[in-house]
Protein backbone atom coordinates (compact mmCIF):
# COMPACT_ATOMS: atom_id res chain seq x y z
CA MET A 1 1.71 0.59 -5.88
CA LEU A 2 -0.22 0.62 -2.61
CA LEU A 3 -2.74 3.05 -4.01
CA ASN A 4 -3.18 0.88 -7.11
CA MET A 5 -4.03 -1.95 -4.80
CA ILE A 6 -6.41 0.24 -2.81
CA SER A 7 -8.28 1.18 -6.03
CA CYS A 8 -8.76 -2.53 -6.76
CA LEU A 9 -10.10 -3.07 -3.28
CA VAL A 10 -12.50 -0.08 -3.55
CA ALA A 11 -13.99 -1.57 -6.69
CA CYS A 12 -14.48 -4.89 -4.91
CA ALA A 13 -16.01 -3.12 -1.91
CA ILE A 14 -18.51 -1.30 -4.10
CA THR A 15 -19.45 -4.58 -5.80
CA ALA A 16 -19.98 -6.24 -2.44
CA SER A 17 -22.07 -3.32 -1.26
CA ALA A 18 -24.23 -3.61 -4.35
CA PHE A 19 -24.98 -7.24 -3.55
CA ALA A 20 -25.69 -6.33 0.06
CA GLN A 21 -27.99 -3.52 -0.99
CA GLY A 22 -29.82 -5.94 -3.19
CA MET A 23 -30.44 -8.17 -0.17
CA ASP A 24 -31.71 -5.29 1.97
CA LYS A 25 -34.30 -3.94 -0.44
CA PRO A 26 -36.20 -6.05 -2.98
CA GLY A 27 -36.29 -4.82 -6.58
CA PRO A 28 -39.48 -4.21 -8.59
CA ASP A 29 -39.64 -7.77 -9.99
CA GLU A 30 -39.07 -9.32 -6.62
CA SER A 31 -41.73 -7.09 -5.03
CA LEU A 32 -44.19 -8.21 -7.71
CA ARG A 33 -43.46 -11.84 -6.93
CA ILE A 34 -43.96 -11.22 -3.23
CA ASN A 35 -47.32 -9.54 -3.84
CA GLU A 36 -48.40 -12.38 -6.11
CA ALA A 37 -47.44 -14.88 -3.47
CA ARG A 38 -49.52 -13.03 -0.91
CA GLU A 39 -52.56 -13.01 -3.22
CA ASN A 40 -52.12 -16.70 -3.90
CA LYS A 41 -52.01 -17.37 -0.19
CA LYS A 42 -55.52 -15.99 0.13
CA SER A 43 -56.81 -18.24 -2.61
CA ASP A 44 -57.72 -21.90 -2.45
CA ASP A 45 -54.38 -22.80 -4.04
CA ALA A 46 -52.44 -21.48 -1.06
CA PRO A 47 -50.33 -24.61 -0.46
CA LYS A 48 -49.07 -24.64 -4.05
CA GLY A 49 -48.21 -20.94 -3.89
CA THR A 50 -46.39 -21.37 -0.62
CA ALA A 51 -44.31 -24.21 -2.04
CA GLY A 52 -43.42 -22.08 -5.08
CA ALA A 53 -42.35 -19.19 -2.89
CA ALA A 54 -40.21 -21.53 -0.80
CA ASP A 55 -38.48 -22.85 -3.94
CA SER A 56 -37.85 -19.32 -5.18
CA GLY A 57 -36.41 -18.31 -1.78
CA GLY A 58 -34.14 -21.33 -1.78
CA ASN A 59 -32.82 -20.51 -5.24
CA LYS A 60 -32.18 -16.93 -4.26
CA ALA A 61 -30.25 -17.96 -1.14
CA GLU A 62 -28.16 -20.38 -3.23
CA LEU A 63 -27.29 -17.71 -5.76
CA GLU A 64 -26.41 -15.31 -2.96
CA ALA A 65 -24.06 -17.86 -1.41
CA ILE A 66 -22.36 -18.37 -4.82
CA LYS A 67 -21.89 -14.62 -5.19
CA LYS A 68 -20.34 -14.30 -1.74
CA LYS A 69 -18.04 -17.25 -2.34
CA ALA A 70 -16.89 -15.74 -5.67
CA ILE A 71 -16.13 -12.37 -4.02
CA ARG A 72 -14.39 -14.04 -1.07
CA TYR A 73 -11.89 -16.01 -3.11
CA SER A 74 -11.53 -13.49 -5.92
CA VAL A 75 -10.30 -10.82 -3.46
CA LEU A 76 -8.22 -13.37 -1.55
CA PHE A 77 -6.40 -14.29 -4.78
CA ALA A 78 -6.47 -11.11 -6.83
CA VAL A 79 -5.22 -8.62 -4.21
CA PRO A 80 -1.86 -10.37 -3.46
CA VAL A 81 -1.29 -11.24 -7.13
CA ASN A 82 -2.03 -7.66 -8.26
CA THR A 83 0.26 -6.29 -5.56
CA TYR A 84 3.24 -8.46 -6.34
CA VAL A 85 2.93 -8.25 -10.13
CA VAL A 86 2.84 -4.45 -10.01
CA SER A 87 5.79 -4.45 -7.62
CA LEU A 88 7.83 -6.70 -9.95
CA LEU A 89 7.14 -4.43 -12.89
CA THR A 90 7.47 -1.09 -11.08
CA TRP A 91 10.18 -1.60 -8.48
CA ASP A 92 12.15 -4.46 -10.05
CA TRP A 93 11.75 -6.92 -7.23
CA GLY A 94 13.98 -10.00 -7.45
CA ARG A 95 16.87 -8.31 -9.27
CA THR A 96 19.17 -9.43 -6.48
CA THR A 97 19.44 -12.69 -4.56
CA LYS A 98 21.06 -11.06 -1.58
CA PHE A 99 18.56 -10.19 1.10
CA ARG A 100 19.12 -6.78 2.71
CA PHE A 101 17.85 -5.10 5.83
CA SER A 102 17.17 -1.36 5.96
CA HIS A 103 18.10 0.97 8.80
CA GLU A 104 16.56 4.15 7.39
CA GLY A 105 15.20 5.67 10.61
CA TRP A 106 11.77 7.01 11.38
CA PHE A 107 10.74 10.69 11.23
CA SER A 108 14.05 12.48 11.77
CA ARG A 109 15.23 15.23 9.42
CA ASN A 110 18.15 13.15 8.10
CA THR A 111 16.04 10.24 6.82
CA TYR A 112 15.50 9.95 3.07
CA SER A 113 11.90 11.24 3.15
CA GLY A 114 11.61 12.82 6.60
CA GLY A 115 9.18 10.11 7.70
CA ALA A 116 6.64 10.75 4.92
CA ASP A 117 7.09 7.17 3.78
CA LYS A 118 6.27 5.95 7.29
CA ALA A 119 3.05 7.98 7.35
CA ALA A 120 2.24 6.55 3.92
CA HIS A 121 2.67 2.96 5.12
CA LEU A 122 0.42 3.63 8.12
CA PHE A 123 -2.33 5.18 6.09
CA SER A 124 -2.16 2.67 3.23
CA PHE A 125 -2.60 -0.35 5.44
CA TYR A 126 -5.24 1.41 7.51
CA ALA A 127 -7.26 1.88 4.31
CA ILE A 128 -6.54 -1.68 3.08
CA MET A 129 -7.67 -3.19 6.40
CA ARG A 130 -10.93 -1.24 6.47
CA ILE A 131 -11.83 -1.98 2.87
CA LEU A 132 -11.09 -5.66 3.28
CA TYR A 133 -13.13 -5.72 6.46
CA ASN A 134 -16.15 -4.29 4.69
CA ILE A 135 -15.87 -6.86 1.91
CA TYR A 136 -15.55 -9.82 4.27
CA ASP A 137 -18.16 -8.54 6.68
CA TYR A 138 -20.53 -8.99 3.76
CA THR A 139 -19.22 -12.30 2.39
CA GLU A 140 -19.08 -13.93 5.86
CA ASP A 141 -22.44 -12.52 7.06
CA GLY A 142 -20.75 -10.79 9.97
CA ALA A 143 -19.19 -13.99 11.31
CA PRO A 144 -15.91 -13.63 13.32
CA VAL A 145 -13.95 -15.25 10.49
CA LYS A 146 -14.16 -11.87 8.72
CA TRP A 147 -11.35 -10.71 11.02
CA ALA A 148 -9.11 -13.59 9.95
CA TYR A 149 -9.61 -12.69 6.28
CA SER A 150 -9.26 -8.92 6.59
CA ALA A 151 -6.57 -8.58 9.24
CA GLY A 152 -4.76 -11.74 7.98
CA LEU A 153 -4.63 -10.63 4.35
CA SER A 154 -3.57 -7.10 5.36
CA THR A 155 -0.75 -8.47 7.53
CA PHE A 156 0.32 -10.88 4.73
CA LEU A 157 0.56 -7.97 2.32
CA ALA A 158 2.53 -5.77 4.73
CA LEU A 159 5.04 -8.53 5.38
CA GLY A 160 5.23 -9.61 1.76
CA ILE A 161 5.99 -6.07 0.55
CA GLU A 162 8.92 -5.78 2.94
CA ILE A 163 10.28 -9.17 1.96
CA GLY A 164 10.11 -8.05 -1.65
CA ASP A 165 11.94 -4.83 -0.81
CA GLY A 166 14.63 -6.98 0.82
CA PHE A 167 15.40 -8.47 -2.62
CA CYS A 168 15.11 -5.14 -4.51
CA LYS A 169 18.06 -2.99 -5.58
CA ASN A 170 15.82 0.05 -6.07
CA GLN A 171 14.56 -0.03 -2.47
CA ASN A 172 16.42 0.31 0.82
CA GLY A 173 15.72 -3.26 1.90
CA PHE A 174 13.49 -4.94 4.49
CA SER A 175 12.41 -2.15 6.85
CA ILE A 176 11.29 -2.97 10.37
CA ALA A 177 10.08 0.65 10.65
CA ASP A 178 7.88 0.36 7.52
CA LEU A 179 6.46 -2.96 8.74
CA THR A 180 5.74 -1.50 12.19
CA MET A 181 3.90 1.48 10.70
CA GLY A 182 1.89 -0.88 8.48
CA PHE A 183 0.89 -2.94 11.51
CA ILE A 184 -0.11 0.22 13.38
CA GLY A 185 -2.32 1.20 10.48
CA ILE A 186 -3.95 -2.24 10.47
CA GLY A 187 -4.49 -1.94 14.22
CA ILE A 188 -6.14 1.51 13.98
CA GLY A 189 -8.37 0.33 11.17
CA SER A 190 -9.38 -2.75 13.18
CA LEU A 191 -10.21 -0.69 16.29
CA LEU A 192 -12.43 1.71 14.32
CA GLU A 193 -14.33 -1.17 12.78
CA LEU A 194 -14.69 -2.82 16.16
CA PHE A 195 -15.98 0.35 17.84
CA PRO A 196 -18.40 2.20 15.46
CA ALA A 197 -18.95 4.99 18.00
CA VAL A 198 -15.24 5.83 17.92
CA ASP A 199 -15.29 5.56 14.11
CA ALA A 200 -18.10 8.14 14.02
CA PHE A 201 -15.81 10.65 15.71
CA MET A 202 -12.42 10.00 14.06
CA SER A 203 -10.71 8.63 10.99
CA LEU A 204 -7.51 8.87 8.98
CA SER A 205 -7.29 10.41 5.51
CA ALA A 206 -4.83 11.64 2.94
CA GLU A 207 -4.72 14.28 0.22
CA TYR A 208 -2.50 14.57 -2.84
CA TYR A 209 -1.74 17.42 -5.24
CA PRO A 210 1.10 16.74 -7.70
CA THR A 211 4.23 18.79 -7.40
CA LYS A 212 5.33 21.10 -10.20
CA TYR A 213 7.52 18.37 -11.70
CA PHE A 214 4.63 15.95 -12.13
CA ARG A 215 2.32 18.61 -13.46
CA LYS A 216 4.86 19.30 -16.18
CA HIS A 217 5.66 15.60 -16.78
CA PRO A 218 2.33 13.75 -16.51
CA GLN A 219 3.89 10.73 -18.24
CA ARG A 220 5.87 10.15 -15.02
CA LEU A 221 2.75 9.86 -12.85
CA LYS A 222 3.31 6.14 -12.26
CA TRP A 223 5.91 7.32 -9.72
CA PHE A 224 3.47 9.60 -7.91
CA LEU A 225 3.61 7.46 -4.76
CA ASP A 226 7.14 8.73 -4.22
CA ASP A 227 6.08 12.35 -4.73
CA TYR A 228 6.06 12.95 -0.95
CA SER A 229 5.95 16.72 -1.25
CA GLY A 230 2.50 16.39 -2.77
CA TRP A 231 1.08 14.19 0.02
CA ARG A 232 -0.59 15.15 3.31
CA PHE A 233 -1.54 12.54 5.89
CA MET A 234 -3.86 13.37 8.73
CA ALA A 235 -6.22 12.37 11.49
CA ASN A 236 -9.75 13.83 11.35
CA ILE A 237 -11.95 14.59 14.35
CA LYS A 238 -15.61 14.60 13.05
CA LEU A 239 -18.27 16.51 14.95
CA ALA A 240 -20.88 14.47 13.10
CA GLY A 241 -20.12 11.76 15.65
CA PHE A 242 -22.24 13.53 18.26
CA ARG A 243 -25.35 12.72 16.29
CA TYR A 244 -24.32 9.07 16.06
CA VAL A 245 -24.26 8.76 19.84
CA GLY A 246 -27.57 10.62 20.21
CA VAL A 247 -26.29 14.07 21.28
CA LYS A 248 -28.25 16.88 19.70
CA VAL A 249 -25.98 19.46 18.09
CA PRO A 250 -26.70 22.30 15.62
CA GLU A 251 -27.06 21.17 12.01
CA PHE A 252 -23.97 22.99 10.75
CA MET A 253 -21.67 21.20 13.20
CA ARG A 254 -21.98 17.86 11.39
CA TYR A 255 -20.04 19.34 8.46
CA ILE A 256 -17.03 20.32 10.61
CA MET A 257 -13.81 18.30 10.99
CA PHE A 258 -10.68 19.20 12.93
CA ASP A 259 -7.51 17.90 11.28
CA VAL A 260 -4.05 17.12 12.61
CA GLY A 261 -1.50 16.03 9.98
CA TYR A 262 2.04 15.67 8.78
CA TYR A 263 3.95 16.29 5.57
CA THR A 264 7.44 16.95 4.22
CA HIS A 265 9.01 19.09 1.49
CA ASP A 266 12.17 18.99 -0.61
CA TYR A 267 13.18 15.40 0.21
CA THR A 268 12.82 13.79 -3.21
CA ARG A 269 14.32 14.15 -6.66
CA TYR A 270 11.03 15.57 -7.84
CA ASP A 271 11.78 18.68 -5.81
CA TYR A 272 14.95 19.36 -7.80
CA ARG A 273 13.83 22.85 -8.85
CA HIS A 274 13.53 23.89 -5.22
CA ALA A 275 16.77 22.06 -4.44
CA GLU A 276 18.67 24.03 -7.12
CA ILE A 277 17.37 27.31 -5.73
CA GLY A 278 18.34 26.31 -2.22
CA ARG A 279 21.83 25.19 -3.30
CA TYR A 280 22.80 28.33 -5.14
CA VAL A 281 20.90 31.06 -3.29
CA GLU A 282 20.85 29.94 0.31
CA GLY A 283 23.74 27.49 0.27
CA GLY A 284 21.86 24.35 1.28
CA PHE A 285 19.15 21.86 0.49
CA LYS A 286 16.20 23.05 2.62
CA LYS A 287 14.44 19.96 3.76
CA ARG A 288 11.28 20.67 5.68
CA ARG A 289 8.99 18.66 7.92
CA GLU A 290 5.69 20.12 9.11
CA ILE A 291 2.89 19.30 11.48
CA PHE A 292 -0.35 21.10 10.77
CA ILE A 293 -3.73 21.68 12.40
CA GLY A 294 -6.82 22.80 10.54
CA VAL A 295 -10.56 22.90 10.13
CA SER A 296 -12.21 21.38 7.05
CA ILE A 297 -15.53 20.21 5.60
CA ASN A 298 -16.74 16.66 6.13
CA MET A 299 -17.56 15.75 2.51
CA MET A 300 -19.29 12.52 3.54
CA GLU A 301 -21.96 14.63 5.22
CA VAL A 302 -22.21 16.84 2.13
CA VAL A 303 -22.83 13.78 -0.06
CA LYS A 304 -25.70 12.68 2.21
CA ASP A 305 -27.52 15.93 1.54
CA PHE A 306 -27.98 14.99 -2.09
CA PHE A 307 -30.04 11.88 -1.24
CA THR A 308 -33.37 11.34 0.42
CA ASP A 309 -32.45 7.69 1.10
CA LYS A 310 -29.21 8.13 3.06
CA GLU A 311 -28.84 4.36 3.48
CA GLY A 312 -29.23 3.63 -0.24
CA PHE A 313 -26.48 2.07 -2.30
CA ALA A 314 -25.77 5.24 -4.39
CA CYS A 315 -25.45 7.41 -1.31
CA ARG A 316 -23.20 4.96 0.56
CA ALA A 317 -21.02 4.28 -2.56
CA LEU A 318 -20.43 7.99 -3.28
CA GLN A 319 -19.32 8.55 0.31
CA GLN A 320 -16.58 5.93 0.13
CA PRO A 321 -13.90 7.99 -1.68
CA PHE A 322 -14.23 10.73 0.98
CA LYS A 323 -13.78 8.20 3.71
CA TYR A 324 -10.09 7.98 2.76
CA TYR A 325 -9.38 11.01 0.56
CA HIS A 326 -9.41 14.45 2.19
CA VAL A 327 -10.67 17.34 0.09
CA PRO A 328 -8.67 20.46 1.05
CA ALA A 329 -11.76 22.60 1.66
CA GLY A 330 -10.87 24.52 4.79
CA VAL A 331 -8.06 26.36 6.54
CA ARG A 332 -4.87 25.07 8.23
CA HIS A 333 -1.74 26.27 9.95
CA GLY A 334 1.61 24.49 9.83
CA PHE A 335 4.48 24.26 12.30
CA THR A 336 7.98 23.53 10.98
CA LEU A 337 9.90 20.94 12.99
């Protein structure tokens, strides 16, 4: 459900970026009008040409304001509605009138997912906060109110989801731990947006590869968010950040990332094949939690190499998926807890 919401936000972010790119660089028709205005300015009819250019500029500014207003309120309305409608249909919210609190623990071995759900909450709201910030940074022209929209809407979603879980029979109830991890994710996303130099050096990302059960039953993929054995959540240290702060480093270093992450195995019903083997061969259900370290390729830097205009819309848009999704191109070593 959270990733469905993220996909909606990504689409909105790309749309907003397209409008912003249009502001930064005039298109062919606009360039022609500008050149014509300059020629008219040299002629005897200069006052008339200047007035026409002013009218054209005013109309453009008005249209731009309408676009930004449409994006602002569309996202503000569509994101919560999309989230709660999907939750009602997928997780059967509202099937009970008795509000329940959850005491499911954090990252210990005896929790129902070994803490993978907590890592998922942190990463999901980190991504939501950053995407919303980019949208509202555009619609509000960088004004401080962008923080109220992005952080406020993210917080509203985090709290609303837990309230919904409190009235859901299929969930454990309102979880203070889940809410806390969501708030931490929002906080990390906010700090990285506030300090671009830090953002150049580090980020959070996730990767997913379906477990054997989902590969054999693709019709069940709507439940893939609970397929915790297929998820990896990590922090990435990016050597490309040195160039951002003006430190000259060898060209190859900008492609390198150091990763530190967490994942679990054999905690869900989708691991039943492994569970059966464990039950009958080794006498127990082998739940496993792992921390890993690794080295991988910074795919955002790879994307830049395909474009001469690295600030262009196409280049920036194609980088966005790799800002949040980690491609497992590298090596890693895990440590079982």
